[in-house]
Protein backbone atom coordinates (compact mmCIF):
# COMPACT_ATOMS: atom_id res chain seq x y z
CA UNK A 1 0.00 0.00 0.00
CA UNK A 2 1.27 3.44 -0.92
CA UNK A 3 1.44 5.41 2.32
CA UNK A 4 0.87 8.78 0.68
CA UNK A 5 -2.24 7.65 -1.21
CA UNK A 6 -3.61 5.93 1.91
CA UNK A 7 -3.13 8.96 4.15
CA UNK A 8 -4.61 11.25 1.53
CA UNK A 9 -7.72 9.06 1.23
CA UNK A 10 -7.89 8.74 5.02
CA UNK A 11 -7.80 12.51 5.62
CA UNK A 12 -10.52 13.01 3.00
CA UNK A 13 -12.71 10.23 4.42
CA UNK A 14 -12.37 10.86 8.15
CA UNK A 15 -14.44 14.07 8.31
CA UNK A 16 -17.32 12.27 6.57
CA UNK A 17 -17.26 9.17 8.82
CA UNK A 18 -20.27 8.98 11.13
CA UNK A 19 -20.68 5.32 12.05
CA UNK A 20 -18.44 2.46 13.10
CA UNK A 21 -18.86 0.97 9.63
CA UNK A 22 -17.66 4.23 8.07
CA UNK A 23 -14.52 4.11 10.20
CA UNK A 24 -13.99 0.42 9.47
CA UNK A 25 -14.12 1.16 5.74
CA UNK A 26 -11.09 3.44 6.21
CA UNK A 27 -8.85 0.66 7.52
CA UNK A 28 -5.82 -0.02 5.29
CA UNK A 29 -7.03 -3.46 4.19
CA UNK A 30 -10.56 -2.26 3.33
CA UNK A 31 -10.12 1.21 1.81
CA UNK A 32 -10.46 1.70 -1.93
CA UNK A 33 -7.66 3.96 -3.17
CA UNK A 34 -8.34 6.04 -6.25
CA UNK A 35 -5.89 5.51 -9.08
CA UNK A 36 -3.88 8.66 -9.70
PDB file of N, CA and C in Angstrom:
ATOM      1  N   UNK A   1       0.860  -1.175   0.000  1.00  0.00           N
ATOM      2  CA  UNK A   1       0.000   0.000   0.000  1.00  0.00           C
ATOM      3  C   UNK A   1       0.906   1.239   0.000  1.00  0.00           C
ATOM      4  N   UNK A   2       0.536   2.183  -0.829  1.00  0.00           N
ATOM      5  CA  UNK A   2       1.271   3.439  -0.917  1.00  0.00           C
ATOM      6  C   UNK A   2       0.829   4.328   0.244  1.00  0.00           C
ATOM      7  N   UNK A   3       1.757   4.640   1.126  1.00  0.00           N
ATOM      8  CA  UNK A   3       1.439   5.408   2.324  1.00  0.00           C
ATOM      9  C   UNK A   3       0.837   6.772   2.028  1.00  0.00           C
ATOM     10  N   UNK A   4       1.377   7.456   1.027  1.00  0.00           N
ATOM     11  CA  UNK A   4       0.868   8.784   0.683  1.00  0.00           C
ATOM     12  C   UNK A   4      -0.582   8.711   0.216  1.00  0.00           C
ATOM     13  N   UNK A   5      -0.871   7.777  -0.694  1.00  0.00           N
ATOM     14  CA  UNK A   5      -2.237   7.649  -1.208  1.00  0.00           C
ATOM     15  C   UNK A   5      -3.198   7.240  -0.106  1.00  0.00           C
ATOM     16  N   UNK A   6      -2.739   6.359   0.802  1.00  0.00           N
ATOM     17  CA  UNK A   6      -3.610   5.930   1.905  1.00  0.00           C
ATOM     18  C   UNK A   6      -3.928   7.099   2.835  1.00  0.00           C
ATOM     19  N   UNK A   7      -2.896   7.837   3.238  1.00  0.00           N
ATOM     20  CA  UNK A   7      -3.125   8.963   4.150  1.00  0.00           C
ATOM     21  C   UNK A   7      -3.999  10.030   3.503  1.00  0.00           C
ATOM     22  N   UNK A   8      -3.791  10.264   2.231  1.00  0.00           N
ATOM     23  CA  UNK A   8      -4.609  11.252   1.531  1.00  0.00           C
ATOM     24  C   UNK A   8      -6.079  10.832   1.544  1.00  0.00           C
ATOM     25  N   UNK A   9      -6.350   9.563   1.213  1.00  0.00           N
ATOM     26  CA  UNK A   9      -7.720   9.056   1.233  1.00  0.00           C
ATOM     27  C   UNK A   9      -8.287   9.065   2.652  1.00  0.00           C
ATOM     28  N   UNK A  10      -7.455   8.761   3.628  1.00  0.00           N
ATOM     29  CA  UNK A  10      -7.892   8.745   5.017  1.00  0.00           C
ATOM     30  C   UNK A  10      -8.308  10.136   5.482  1.00  0.00           C
ATOM     31  N   UNK A  11      -7.493  11.144   5.185  1.00  0.00           N
ATOM     32  CA  UNK A  11      -7.804  12.506   5.620  1.00  0.00           C
ATOM     33  C   UNK A  11      -9.016  13.085   4.891  1.00  0.00           C
ATOM     34  N   UNK A  12      -9.308  12.585   3.710  1.00  0.00           N
ATOM     35  CA  UNK A  12     -10.517  13.006   3.000  1.00  0.00           C
ATOM     36  C   UNK A  12     -11.733  12.300   3.592  1.00  0.00           C
ATOM     37  N   UNK A  13     -11.579  11.020   3.940  1.00  0.00           N
ATOM     38  CA  UNK A  13     -12.707  10.232   4.417  1.00  0.00           C
ATOM     39  C   UNK A  13     -13.065  10.430   5.877  1.00  0.00           C
ATOM     40  N   UNK A  14     -12.093  10.744   6.710  1.00  0.00           N
ATOM     41  CA  UNK A  14     -12.367  10.859   8.148  1.00  0.00           C
ATOM     42  C   UNK A  14     -13.426  11.907   8.507  1.00  0.00           C
ATOM     43  N   UNK A  15     -13.404  13.097   7.929  1.00  0.00           N
ATOM     44  CA  UNK A  15     -14.443  14.073   8.314  1.00  0.00           C
ATOM     45  C   UNK A  15     -15.857  13.624   7.956  1.00  0.00           C
ATOM     46  N   UNK A  16     -15.991  12.725   6.995  1.00  0.00           N
ATOM     47  CA  UNK A  16     -17.316  12.268   6.567  1.00  0.00           C
ATOM     48  C   UNK A  16     -17.785  11.016   7.312  1.00  0.00           C
ATOM     49  N   UNK A  17     -16.920  10.406   8.113  1.00  0.00           N
ATOM     50  CA  UNK A  17     -17.263   9.167   8.818  1.00  0.00           C
ATOM     51  C   UNK A  17     -18.178   9.482  10.003  1.00  0.00           C
ATOM     52  N   UNK A  18     -19.288   8.771  10.059  1.00  0.00           N
ATOM     53  CA  UNK A  18     -20.265   8.985  11.130  1.00  0.00           C
ATOM     54  C   UNK A  18     -20.506   7.732  11.968  1.00  0.00           C
ATOM     55  N   UNK A  19     -20.369   6.559  11.350  1.00  0.00           N
ATOM     56  CA  UNK A  19     -20.682   5.320  12.054  1.00  0.00           C
ATOM     57  C   UNK A  19     -19.435   4.443  12.164  1.00  0.00           C
ATOM     58  N   UNK A  20     -19.545   3.403  12.944  1.00  0.00           N
ATOM     59  CA  UNK A  20     -18.442   2.456  13.096  1.00  0.00           C
ATOM     60  C   UNK A  20     -18.093   1.824  11.749  1.00  0.00           C
ATOM     61  N   UNK A  21     -19.107   1.543  10.950  1.00  0.00           N
ATOM     62  CA  UNK A  21     -18.862   0.967   9.627  1.00  0.00           C
ATOM     63  C   UNK A  21     -18.105   1.932   8.721  1.00  0.00           C
ATOM     64  N   UNK A  22     -18.396   3.232   8.850  1.00  0.00           N
ATOM     65  CA  UNK A  22     -17.662   4.234   8.069  1.00  0.00           C
ATOM     66  C   UNK A  22     -16.185   4.223   8.451  1.00  0.00           C
ATOM     67  N   UNK A  23     -15.909   4.150   9.743  1.00  0.00           N
ATOM     68  CA  UNK A  23     -14.516   4.108  10.203  1.00  0.00           C
ATOM     69  C   UNK A  23     -13.840   2.805   9.791  1.00  0.00           C
ATOM     70  N   UNK A  24     -14.556   1.710   9.855  1.00  0.00           N
ATOM     71  CA  UNK A  24     -13.991   0.415   9.468  1.00  0.00           C
ATOM     72  C   UNK A  24     -13.634   0.399   7.985  1.00  0.00           C
ATOM     73  N   UNK A  25     -14.395   1.096   7.168  1.00  0.00           N
ATOM     74  CA  UNK A  25     -14.119   1.157   5.736  1.00  0.00           C
ATOM     75  C   UNK A  25     -12.828   1.906   5.440  1.00  0.00           C
ATOM     76  N   UNK A  26     -12.320   2.673   6.399  1.00  0.00           N
ATOM     77  CA  UNK A  26     -11.086   3.439   6.207  1.00  0.00           C
ATOM     78  C   UNK A  26      -9.835   2.672   6.636  1.00  0.00           C
ATOM     79  N   UNK A  27     -10.006   1.459   7.130  1.00  0.00           N
ATOM     80  CA  UNK A  27      -8.846   0.660   7.518  1.00  0.00           C
ATOM     81  C   UNK A  27      -8.016   0.316   6.287  1.00  0.00           C
ATOM     82  N   UNK A  28      -6.703   0.180   6.454  1.00  0.00           N
ATOM     83  CA  UNK A  28      -5.825  -0.022   5.286  1.00  0.00           C
ATOM     84  C   UNK A  28      -6.200  -1.205   4.417  1.00  0.00           C
ATOM     85  N   UNK A  29      -6.713  -2.268   4.988  1.00  0.00           N
ATOM     86  CA  UNK A  29      -7.030  -3.457   4.194  1.00  0.00           C
ATOM     87  C   UNK A  29      -8.436  -3.406   3.600  1.00  0.00           C
ATOM     88  N   UNK A  30      -9.191  -2.353   3.869  1.00  0.00           N
ATOM     89  CA  UNK A  30     -10.556  -2.255   3.326  1.00  0.00           C
ATOM     90  C   UNK A  30     -10.776  -1.031   2.454  1.00  0.00           C
ATOM     91  N   UNK A  31      -9.899  -0.044   2.542  1.00  0.00           N
ATOM     92  CA  UNK A  31     -10.122   1.208   1.810  1.00  0.00           C
ATOM     93  C   UNK A  31      -9.859   1.015   0.313  1.00  0.00           C
ATOM     94  N   UNK A  32     -10.655   1.700  -0.486  1.00  0.00           N
ATOM     95  CA  UNK A  32     -10.456   1.699  -1.931  1.00  0.00           C
ATOM     96  C   UNK A  32      -9.687   2.966  -2.286  1.00  0.00           C
ATOM     97  N   UNK A  33      -8.480   2.809  -2.798  1.00  0.00           N
ATOM     98  CA  UNK A  33      -7.660   3.956  -3.168  1.00  0.00           C
ATOM     99  C   UNK A  33      -7.900   4.303  -4.625  1.00  0.00           C
ATOM    100  N   UNK A  34      -8.125   5.577  -4.881  1.00  0.00           N
ATOM    101  CA  UNK A  34      -8.335   6.039  -6.249  1.00  0.00           C
ATOM    102  C   UNK A  34      -7.014   5.976  -7.015  1.00  0.00           C
ATOM    103  N   UNK A  35      -7.084   5.552  -8.241  1.00  0.00           N
ATOM    104  CA  UNK A  35      -5.888   5.508  -9.081  1.00  0.00           C
ATOM    105  C   UNK A  35      -5.539   6.926  -9.533  1.00  0.00           C
ATOM    106  N   UNK A  36      -4.309   7.313  -9.289  1.00  0.00           N
ATOM    107  CA  UNK A  36      -3.879   8.658  -9.702  1.00  0.00           C
ATOM    108  C   UNK A  36      -2.695   8.572 -10.622  1.00  0.00           C
TER     109      UNK A  36
END
